[in-house]
Amino acid sequence: MTRSPEDEPAADGTANILALQGGGPAAANAAALQNQYEAFPYPPKDGATESDGLRTGSPSHILEIDHYIYGGERNWTKPFRALVAGGGTGDAAIMLGQQCADIGCPAEIIYLDLSAASMAIARNRAQERGLNNIIFHQGSLLGVADYGWQPFDYIDCCGVLHHLASPENGLAALVSVLHPEGGLGLMLYGAFGRTGIYDVQEIMRGITAADEDQAAQLPLLRKLLDHLPASNRLVRNPGVPHDGNHPDAELVDKFLHPQDRAYTVPDIAALCADSGLKIASFAPAGRYDPATYLVDNTLRARFNGLGLLAKAALAERIAGNIAKHILYAVPSGRPNPRPGLQPNAIPVLKHSDGATLARKISADTAFQARFDDLTVVAAAPSLTAEIMRRIDNQTSLEDIYFDMVSDNPGLNWNGFIVQIRELYGALHGLLNAMFLRYENDGPPFKKQNPIP
């Protein structure tokens, strides 16, 4: 399944399913899944090369891992062990491997997938980049406890669990090899945003024979998609393309999948709790805040005092179009990360340096976040340009403030924090493009040289 993009095309961890071991219906289903991804490696990489640049996305961008899992305090000069559970054609493993190499982090990234065809593509991509920090392993997610691996600091599982016969068993297996201080980045299908997809799946099951493989069904699927009436629920869902002009692997994964389910926020919370996890945050966080969609103060006041999950559950119903839930989860017993906008917090930008962005800021600048078919706009606070040109990924909020006072004599700390809170709400909450770091023994985020 596709990894959520920010400033460039989406990068996937995988939709490849790691098969259940043993006999019975579950094993038969797992075999069908493996056959699909041998025939249709996913995500499709037709024509794509590593010279096109590093494709980044969520989950598993290293700045997100640092922020959501480690509260902005991890020392990235120390060894880092990651598992990409369902590596597909390699996007998550390549993204992690390249970013760790770029900052000099001694990383060991285990790529795990059942599909030899997908793994071959991922391996070739790593070789093309000259990455030697990725170890490739063909096998089952449910067997991770038997491979003799040491606990992982981080586990990526993007678009995988919702295809397993037992997502609960799959997540429990991953948690069994997670370091107590580590965490997971997950992507699970969203129930409301996938309106119409399951209708088409049912239609295809109703008009095809059991012995017709997915390749044989593709021409019929394309014809169906091109002839659906305007009243059809898929056609009426603007967030999901409904024509047949897409790569084979994409159509198969979406409409011909043998095992597929979608989740609501409460479903995900229950899934995590059953495995001893809690949700650290959804990403971007602002997409799961009702205030993002409702500007009326009377309505907003009704959400005051609600917790993360209660707000998120309401927000997904208000938005109505979340097709993929992206989240970070940590062991339930871990304390929550330190508070956010403290004086010693260091703002870090994901895609550019502050000075470059500051030159693009004008009096009428507004930040726009595209959530599928919905665009959300946030006004830039008045001091945005002055703040942005001082963000160099190593200067704290306190130091930024004192540097600004000489140019703004009437600016006090409270006024500054109001500006920062609005800016952070847009750049972090909506665009997922600003994160917070704290001084430690070896921060790797060099001045004006953020991780790509």
Protein backbone atom coordinates (compact mmCIF):
# COMPACT_ATOMS: atom_id res chain seq x y z
CA MET A 1 0.00 0.00 0.00
CA THR A 2 1.27 3.45 -0.66
CA ARG A 3 3.21 5.34 1.95
CA SER A 4 1.86 8.82 2.57
CA PRO A 5 3.81 11.42 0.60
CA GLU A 6 4.81 14.94 1.53
CA ASP A 7 6.70 16.81 -1.18
CA GLU A 8 7.25 14.05 -3.71
CA PRO A 9 5.66 10.82 -4.98
CA ALA A 10 4.63 8.29 -2.37
CA ALA A 11 7.09 5.76 -1.02
CA ASP A 12 5.82 2.39 0.07
CA GLY A 13 6.91 0.06 2.76
CA THR A 14 4.86 -2.75 1.31
CA ALA A 15 1.54 -4.34 0.83
CA ASN A 16 3.25 -7.71 0.65
CA ILE A 17 1.88 -10.23 3.06
CA LEU A 18 4.04 -12.42 5.17
CA ALA A 19 2.32 -15.75 5.09
CA LEU A 20 1.01 -17.76 7.98
CA GLN A 21 2.79 -21.02 8.56
CA GLY A 22 1.08 -24.35 8.99
CA GLY A 23 -1.89 -25.91 7.22
CA GLY A 24 -5.58 -25.19 6.85
CA PRO A 25 -7.44 -22.25 5.28
CA ALA A 26 -5.02 -19.68 6.66
CA ALA A 27 -2.09 -21.32 4.89
CA ALA A 28 -4.07 -21.54 1.65
CA ASN A 29 -4.90 -17.87 1.90
CA ALA A 30 -1.26 -17.03 2.60
CA ALA A 31 -0.21 -18.98 -0.48
CA ALA A 32 -2.61 -16.93 -2.59
CA LEU A 33 -1.10 -13.76 -1.20
CA GLN A 34 2.42 -14.89 -1.93
CA ASN A 35 1.42 -15.82 -5.48
CA GLN A 36 -0.02 -12.34 -5.99
CA TYR A 37 3.17 -10.54 -5.05
CA GLU A 38 5.37 -12.90 -7.04
CA ALA A 39 3.29 -12.09 -10.12
CA PHE A 40 2.65 -8.42 -9.26
CA PRO A 41 5.48 -6.99 -7.10
CA TYR A 42 4.20 -4.00 -5.19
CA PRO A 43 4.47 -1.05 -5.28
CA PRO A 44 5.13 -1.13 -9.04
CA LYS A 45 8.52 0.20 -10.08
CA ASP A 46 8.11 0.25 -13.85
CA GLY A 47 10.63 2.69 -15.30
CA ALA A 48 11.72 4.02 -11.88
CA THR A 49 15.44 4.22 -11.11
CA GLU A 50 17.46 5.27 -8.09
CA SER A 51 18.84 8.18 -10.10
CA ASP A 52 15.37 9.72 -9.81
CA GLY A 53 16.27 10.62 -6.22
CA LEU A 54 15.27 9.34 -2.79
CA ARG A 55 11.53 8.99 -2.40
CA THR A 56 10.47 9.81 1.14
CA GLY A 57 7.17 9.49 2.94
CA SER A 58 5.37 8.29 6.04
CA PRO A 59 5.77 6.25 8.08
CA SER A 60 9.49 5.73 8.71
CA HIS A 61 11.10 8.98 7.70
CA ILE A 62 13.97 9.22 10.17
CA LEU A 63 12.85 12.62 11.53
CA GLU A 64 9.42 11.15 12.28
CA ILE A 65 10.96 8.16 14.06
CA ASP A 66 13.12 10.49 16.11
CA HIS A 67 10.15 12.72 17.01
CA TYR A 68 7.30 10.26 17.56
CA ILE A 69 9.19 7.28 18.99
CA TYR A 70 12.08 8.92 20.81
CA GLY A 71 10.67 12.32 21.74
CA GLY A 72 13.40 14.09 19.76
CA GLU A 73 16.13 12.81 22.04
CA ARG A 74 17.74 9.84 20.28
CA ASN A 75 21.49 9.94 19.74
CA TRP A 76 21.81 8.88 16.11
CA THR A 77 25.55 8.34 16.34
CA LYS A 78 24.72 5.16 18.24
CA PRO A 79 23.74 1.87 16.49
CA PHE A 80 20.20 1.63 15.16
CA ARG A 81 18.40 -1.65 14.37
CA ALA A 82 15.28 -1.58 12.23
CA LEU A 83 12.99 -4.25 10.79
CA VAL A 84 10.96 -3.58 7.67
CA ALA A 85 8.26 -6.22 8.03
CA GLY A 86 6.90 -6.64 4.54
CA GLY A 87 9.57 -4.88 2.53
CA GLY A 88 7.85 -5.08 -0.87
CA THR A 89 9.89 -3.47 -3.63
CA GLY A 90 11.97 -1.69 -1.05
CA ASP A 91 10.84 1.88 -0.46
CA ALA A 92 10.94 1.84 3.35
CA ALA A 93 14.21 -0.09 3.56
CA ILE A 94 15.87 2.15 0.95
CA MET A 95 14.60 5.31 2.65
CA LEU A 96 15.87 4.22 6.06
CA GLY A 97 19.14 2.84 4.70
CA GLN A 98 19.97 5.97 2.73
CA GLN A 99 19.05 8.40 5.49
CA CYS A 100 21.09 6.50 8.10
CA ALA A 101 24.05 6.43 5.70
CA ASP A 102 23.68 10.17 5.06
CA ILE A 103 24.01 11.05 8.76
CA GLY A 104 26.64 8.43 9.54
CA CYS A 105 24.38 6.36 11.79
CA PRO A 106 25.68 2.77 12.20
CA ALA A 107 22.45 1.04 11.18
CA GLU A 108 21.41 -2.53 10.51
CA ILE A 109 18.13 -2.71 8.63
CA ILE A 110 16.49 -6.10 8.14
CA TYR A 111 14.25 -6.34 5.09
CA LEU A 112 11.73 -9.17 5.45
CA ASP A 113 9.28 -10.32 2.82
CA LEU A 114 7.80 -13.55 1.50
CA SER A 115 8.01 -12.55 -2.19
CA ALA A 116 11.25 -13.39 -3.98
CA ALA A 117 10.27 -11.17 -6.92
CA SER A 118 9.71 -8.14 -4.70
CA MET A 119 12.91 -8.79 -2.76
CA ALA A 120 14.94 -8.99 -5.96
CA ILE A 121 13.77 -5.50 -6.94
CA ALA A 122 14.56 -4.13 -3.48
CA ARG A 123 18.00 -5.75 -3.46
CA ASN A 124 18.85 -4.29 -6.86
CA ARG A 125 17.82 -0.84 -5.67
CA ALA A 126 20.11 -1.11 -2.64
CA GLN A 127 22.99 -2.24 -4.84
CA GLU A 128 22.40 0.63 -7.24
CA ARG A 129 22.72 3.05 -4.32
CA GLY A 130 25.72 1.28 -2.83
CA LEU A 131 23.91 0.68 0.47
CA ASN A 132 25.48 -1.97 2.67
CA ASN A 133 23.36 -1.47 5.79
CA ILE A 134 20.38 -3.54 4.58
CA ILE A 135 20.15 -7.30 5.12
CA PHE A 136 17.62 -9.14 2.96
CA HIS A 137 15.65 -12.07 4.34
CA GLN A 138 12.87 -14.01 2.64
CA GLY A 139 10.42 -15.37 5.18
CA SER A 140 7.25 -15.01 7.20
CA LEU A 141 6.43 -12.17 9.53
CA LEU A 142 4.97 -14.67 11.95
CA GLY A 143 8.35 -16.39 12.20
CA VAL A 144 10.31 -13.36 13.44
CA ALA A 145 10.74 -14.80 16.92
CA ASP A 146 12.42 -17.88 15.44
CA TYR A 147 15.06 -16.12 13.32
CA GLY A 148 17.42 -15.42 16.21
CA TRP A 149 17.39 -11.66 15.69
CA GLN A 150 18.18 -9.23 18.48
CA PRO A 151 15.42 -6.79 19.48
CA PHE A 152 14.73 -3.93 17.08
CA ASP A 153 14.77 -0.24 17.92
CA TYR A 154 12.16 0.38 15.24
CA ILE A 155 9.79 -1.73 13.14
CA ASP A 156 8.11 -0.57 9.93
CA CYS A 157 4.95 -2.43 8.93
CA CYS A 158 3.24 -0.45 6.20
CA GLY A 159 0.17 -1.85 4.48
CA VAL A 160 0.68 -5.40 5.74
CA LEU A 161 -1.40 -6.25 8.79
CA HIS A 162 -4.75 -5.57 7.13
CA HIS A 163 -3.99 -8.32 4.60
CA LEU A 164 -3.22 -11.02 7.16
CA ALA A 165 -5.80 -13.64 8.11
CA SER A 166 -5.07 -12.63 11.72
CA PRO A 167 -3.74 -9.07 12.04
CA GLU A 168 -3.67 -9.58 15.81
CA ASN A 169 -1.20 -12.47 15.49
CA GLY A 170 0.92 -10.49 13.07
CA LEU A 171 1.21 -7.47 15.34
CA ALA A 172 1.90 -9.65 18.38
CA ALA A 173 4.73 -11.33 16.49
CA LEU A 174 6.32 -7.97 15.73
CA VAL A 175 5.99 -6.76 19.31
CA SER A 176 7.81 -9.90 20.46
CA VAL A 177 11.02 -8.65 18.77
CA LEU A 178 10.62 -4.96 19.63
CA HIS A 179 13.04 -3.34 22.09
CA PRO A 180 11.16 -2.03 25.16
CA GLU A 181 12.37 1.50 24.35
CA GLY A 182 11.54 1.20 20.65
CA GLY A 183 8.40 1.66 18.57
CA LEU A 184 6.59 0.88 15.34
CA GLY A 185 5.46 2.84 12.30
CA LEU A 186 2.24 1.40 10.87
CA MET A 187 -0.10 2.00 7.98
CA LEU A 188 -3.56 0.44 8.03
CA TYR A 189 -6.45 0.97 5.66
CA GLY A 190 -9.09 3.48 6.74
CA ALA A 191 -12.70 2.34 6.59
CA PHE A 192 -14.37 5.64 5.63
CA GLY A 193 -11.99 6.68 2.86
CA ARG A 194 -12.21 3.33 1.06
CA THR A 195 -15.89 3.66 0.28
CA GLY A 196 -16.67 1.76 -2.92
CA ILE A 197 -13.49 -0.32 -3.09
CA TYR A 198 -15.07 -3.28 -1.34
CA ASP A 199 -18.13 -3.02 -3.56
CA VAL A 200 -15.92 -3.56 -6.60
CA GLN A 201 -14.14 -6.43 -4.88
CA GLU A 202 -17.49 -8.12 -4.28
CA ILE A 203 -18.64 -7.48 -7.85
CA MET A 204 -15.47 -9.09 -9.21
CA ARG A 205 -15.91 -12.11 -6.95
CA GLY A 206 -19.47 -12.41 -8.21
CA ILE A 207 -18.61 -12.37 -11.94
CA THR A 208 -15.39 -14.42 -11.99
CA ALA A 209 -14.75 -18.10 -11.50
CA ALA A 210 -12.60 -19.50 -8.72
CA ASP A 211 -10.02 -20.79 -11.20
CA GLU A 212 -9.55 -17.42 -12.95
CA ASP A 213 -6.26 -15.98 -11.76
CA GLN A 214 -5.70 -12.28 -11.19
CA ALA A 215 -4.00 -11.77 -14.56
CA ALA A 216 -7.03 -13.21 -16.31
CA GLN A 217 -9.36 -10.99 -14.28
CA LEU A 218 -7.55 -7.73 -15.07
CA PRO A 219 -9.19 -7.03 -18.49
CA LEU A 220 -12.62 -7.60 -16.98
CA LEU A 221 -11.78 -5.36 -14.02
CA ARG A 222 -10.67 -2.55 -16.31
CA LYS A 223 -13.87 -2.84 -18.32
CA LEU A 224 -15.93 -2.75 -15.13
CA LEU A 225 -14.15 0.32 -13.77
CA ASP A 226 -14.60 2.18 -17.05
CA HIS A 227 -18.34 1.45 -17.17
CA LEU A 228 -19.50 2.02 -13.61
CA PRO A 229 -22.45 4.43 -13.42
CA ALA A 230 -22.22 7.83 -11.78
CA SER A 231 -24.34 6.56 -8.89
CA ASN A 232 -21.79 3.92 -7.90
CA ARG A 233 -20.17 4.49 -4.51
CA LEU A 234 -16.64 4.16 -5.88
CA VAL A 235 -17.33 6.68 -8.62
CA ARG A 236 -18.78 9.04 -6.03
CA ASN A 237 -15.66 8.75 -3.87
CA PRO A 238 -13.33 11.50 -5.16
CA GLY A 239 -10.41 10.23 -3.10
CA VAL A 240 -10.09 6.92 -4.96
CA PRO A 241 -9.34 6.75 -8.70
CA HIS A 242 -12.00 4.67 -10.38
CA ASP A 243 -10.71 4.18 -13.93
CA GLY A 244 -8.72 1.27 -15.29
CA ASN A 245 -5.78 3.38 -16.47
CA HIS A 246 -3.39 2.31 -13.72
CA PRO A 247 -0.56 -0.23 -13.44
CA ASP A 248 -1.56 -3.88 -13.16
CA ALA A 249 -0.04 -4.26 -9.70
CA GLU A 250 -1.97 -1.27 -8.37
CA LEU A 251 -5.31 -2.52 -9.68
CA VAL A 252 -4.71 -6.03 -8.40
CA ASP A 253 -3.68 -4.81 -4.97
CA LYS A 254 -6.72 -2.57 -4.63
CA PHE A 255 -9.52 -4.49 -6.28
CA LEU A 256 -8.49 -8.15 -6.63
CA HIS A 257 -6.87 -8.79 -3.28
CA PRO A 258 -7.80 -12.11 -1.63
CA GLN A 259 -7.53 -10.74 1.93
CA ASP A 260 -8.31 -7.15 2.86
CA ARG A 261 -9.93 -5.25 5.71
CA ALA A 262 -10.15 -1.62 6.82
CA TYR A 263 -10.02 0.04 10.23
CA THR A 264 -11.48 2.92 12.19
CA VAL A 265 -9.49 4.75 14.87
CA PRO A 266 -11.15 2.74 17.69
CA ASP A 267 -10.37 -0.48 15.78
CA ILE A 268 -6.69 0.48 15.60
CA ALA A 269 -6.56 1.44 19.26
CA ALA A 270 -8.00 -1.95 20.20
CA LEU A 271 -5.59 -3.78 17.88
CA CYS A 272 -2.63 -2.02 19.47
CA ALA A 273 -3.89 -2.51 23.03
CA ASP A 274 -4.26 -6.25 22.47
CA SER A 275 -0.52 -6.38 21.70
CA GLY A 276 0.53 -4.18 24.61
CA LEU A 277 0.93 -1.02 22.55
CA LYS A 278 -0.42 2.50 22.68
CA ILE A 279 -0.72 5.01 19.85
CA ALA A 280 1.95 7.69 20.22
CA SER A 281 0.52 9.78 17.37
CA PHE A 282 -1.16 9.64 14.02
CA ALA A 283 0.63 11.43 11.20
CA PRO A 284 0.10 14.12 10.25
CA ALA A 285 -1.31 14.88 13.67
CA GLY A 286 -3.51 17.71 12.41
CA ARG A 287 -5.48 15.38 10.18
CA TYR A 288 -6.80 13.75 13.36
CA ASP A 289 -7.83 16.97 15.07
CA PRO A 290 -11.48 18.06 14.65
CA ALA A 291 -10.37 21.71 14.84
CA THR A 292 -8.64 21.23 11.48
CA TYR A 293 -12.01 20.89 9.79
CA LEU A 294 -14.39 22.91 12.00
CA VAL A 295 -13.57 26.60 12.42
CA ASP A 296 -16.67 27.52 14.41
CA ASN A 297 -15.61 28.34 17.98
CA THR A 298 -18.79 26.92 19.50
CA LEU A 299 -18.15 23.58 17.85
CA ARG A 300 -14.44 23.67 18.67
CA ALA A 301 -15.19 24.24 22.34
CA ARG A 302 -17.01 20.92 22.42
CA PHE A 303 -13.75 19.12 21.64
CA ASN A 304 -11.79 20.76 24.46
CA GLY A 305 -10.64 18.29 27.07
CA LEU A 306 -10.97 15.24 24.82
CA GLY A 307 -8.02 12.87 24.62
CA LEU A 308 -5.99 11.95 21.55
CA LEU A 309 -8.05 8.92 20.58
CA ALA A 310 -11.43 10.55 21.19
CA LYS A 311 -10.46 13.52 19.02
CA ALA A 312 -9.01 11.26 16.34
CA ALA A 313 -12.14 9.11 16.20
CA LEU A 314 -14.32 12.18 15.74
CA ALA A 315 -11.96 13.75 13.22
CA GLU A 316 -12.01 10.73 10.92
CA ARG A 317 -15.81 10.86 10.86
CA ILE A 318 -15.83 14.60 10.23
CA ALA A 319 -13.28 14.35 7.42
CA GLY A 320 -14.84 11.20 5.98
CA ASN A 321 -12.00 10.56 3.53
CA ILE A 322 -9.12 8.93 5.43
CA ALA A 323 -8.24 5.89 3.34
CA LYS A 324 -4.94 5.13 5.06
CA HIS A 325 -4.19 5.51 8.75
CA ILE A 326 -0.52 6.31 9.39
CA LEU A 327 0.56 6.07 13.01
CA TYR A 328 3.38 5.46 15.43
CA ALA A 329 2.95 3.09 18.36
CA VAL A 330 5.07 2.35 21.42
CA PRO A 331 4.83 -0.13 24.32
CA SER A 332 1.99 0.79 26.65
CA GLY A 333 4.21 1.09 29.70
CA ARG A 334 6.49 3.72 28.21
CA PRO A 335 6.11 7.29 29.48
CA ASN A 336 4.93 9.86 26.97
CA PRO A 337 7.61 11.99 25.29
CA ARG A 338 8.56 15.30 26.87
CA PRO A 339 6.28 18.31 26.27
CA GLY A 340 6.69 20.03 22.93
CA LEU A 341 7.42 23.74 22.62
CA GLN A 342 9.90 24.10 25.48
CA PRO A 343 12.64 26.79 25.41
CA ASN A 344 15.36 24.20 24.63
CA ALA A 345 13.42 22.53 21.83
CA ILE A 346 15.19 22.68 18.46
CA PRO A 347 12.87 22.99 15.43
CA VAL A 348 14.03 20.78 12.55
CA LEU A 349 12.66 21.03 9.02
CA LYS A 350 12.13 17.93 6.94
CA HIS A 351 12.54 19.12 3.37
CA SER A 352 14.50 22.36 3.25
CA ASP A 353 16.38 24.90 5.35
CA GLY A 354 14.66 27.80 7.03
CA ALA A 355 16.57 30.56 5.24
CA THR A 356 15.48 29.27 1.83
CA LEU A 357 11.86 28.98 2.89
CA ALA A 358 11.92 32.41 4.54
CA ARG A 359 12.65 34.05 1.19
CA LYS A 360 9.39 32.60 -0.14
CA ILE A 361 7.25 34.01 2.69
CA SER A 362 5.14 37.09 2.01
CA ALA A 363 2.39 38.94 3.86
CA ASP A 364 -0.32 36.85 2.20
CA THR A 365 1.39 33.46 2.54
CA ALA A 366 -0.82 30.59 3.63
CA PHE A 367 0.07 26.95 4.19
CA GLN A 368 -1.96 24.39 2.28
CA ALA A 369 -2.25 20.71 3.19
CA ARG A 370 -3.78 18.33 0.69
CA PHE A 371 -5.62 15.45 2.37
CA ASP A 372 -6.66 13.41 -0.66
CA ASP A 373 -9.59 15.35 -2.15
CA LEU A 374 -9.68 17.92 0.67
CA THR A 375 -7.43 20.99 0.93
CA VAL A 376 -6.92 22.57 4.35
CA VAL A 377 -5.47 26.09 4.58
CA ALA A 378 -3.71 27.70 7.56
CA ALA A 379 -2.61 31.33 7.61
CA ALA A 380 1.06 32.03 8.28
CA PRO A 381 1.63 34.04 11.48
CA SER A 382 3.03 37.54 11.04
CA LEU A 383 6.59 36.70 12.13
CA THR A 384 6.88 33.55 10.00
CA ALA A 385 9.69 34.83 7.77
CA GLU A 386 11.77 36.09 10.70
CA ILE A 387 11.37 32.80 12.54
CA MET A 388 12.01 30.63 9.49
CA ARG A 389 15.29 32.30 8.53
CA ARG A 390 16.63 31.48 12.00
CA ILE A 391 15.70 27.79 11.85
CA ASP A 392 18.92 25.97 11.01
CA ASN A 393 18.17 22.59 12.65
CA GLN A 394 20.49 23.28 15.58
CA THR A 395 19.25 26.51 17.22
CA SER A 396 16.77 26.25 20.10
CA LEU A 397 13.54 28.20 20.37
CA GLU A 398 15.03 30.20 23.22
CA ASP A 399 18.02 31.25 21.13
CA ILE A 400 15.78 32.06 18.17
CA TYR A 401 13.69 34.28 20.43
CA PHE A 402 16.64 36.24 21.83
CA ASP A 403 18.04 36.70 18.33
CA MET A 404 14.69 38.13 17.20
CA VAL A 405 14.27 40.57 20.09
CA SER A 406 16.82 43.02 18.68
CA ASP A 407 14.70 43.34 15.52
CA ASN A 408 11.40 43.26 17.43
CA PRO A 409 11.86 45.27 20.69
CA GLY A 410 8.28 44.80 21.82
CA LEU A 411 8.31 41.01 21.40
CA ASN A 412 8.01 39.12 24.68
CA TRP A 413 8.35 35.37 25.20
CA ASN A 414 4.61 34.75 25.41
CA GLY A 415 4.02 36.58 22.14
CA PHE A 416 6.81 34.63 20.52
CA ILE A 417 5.36 31.30 21.68
CA VAL A 418 1.96 32.25 20.24
CA GLN A 419 3.65 32.76 16.87
CA ILE A 420 5.62 29.52 17.19
CA ARG A 421 2.54 27.55 18.18
CA GLU A 422 0.66 28.72 15.08
CA LEU A 423 3.63 28.04 12.82
CA TYR A 424 4.25 24.61 14.35
CA GLY A 425 0.56 23.78 14.06
CA ALA A 426 0.76 24.33 10.31
CA LEU A 427 4.19 22.92 9.52
CA HIS A 428 4.00 19.97 11.88
CA GLY A 429 0.31 19.35 12.40
CA LEU A 430 -0.83 19.78 8.82
CA LEU A 431 2.23 19.38 6.60
CA ASN A 432 4.21 16.92 8.74
CA ALA A 433 7.29 18.95 7.83
CA MET A 434 8.63 20.32 11.14
CA PHE A 435 9.77 18.31 14.14
CA LEU A 436 11.41 18.98 17.48
CA ARG A 437 14.83 17.84 18.69
CA TYR A 438 16.61 18.25 22.01
CA GLU A 439 20.33 18.49 22.70
CA ASN A 440 22.04 15.17 23.36
CA ASP A 441 25.48 13.68 22.96
CA GLY A 442 25.50 13.74 19.19
CA PRO A 443 22.69 15.37 17.18
CA PRO A 444 23.26 14.59 13.50
CA PHE A 445 21.09 17.28 11.96
CA LYS A 446 23.69 19.69 10.64
CA LYS A 447 23.08 23.39 10.16
CA GLN A 448 21.13 24.04 6.97
CA ASN A 449 21.61 20.45 5.89
CA PRO A 450 18.50 18.55 6.93
CA ILE A 451 17.97 14.90 6.15
CA PRO A 452 16.45 14.63 2.67
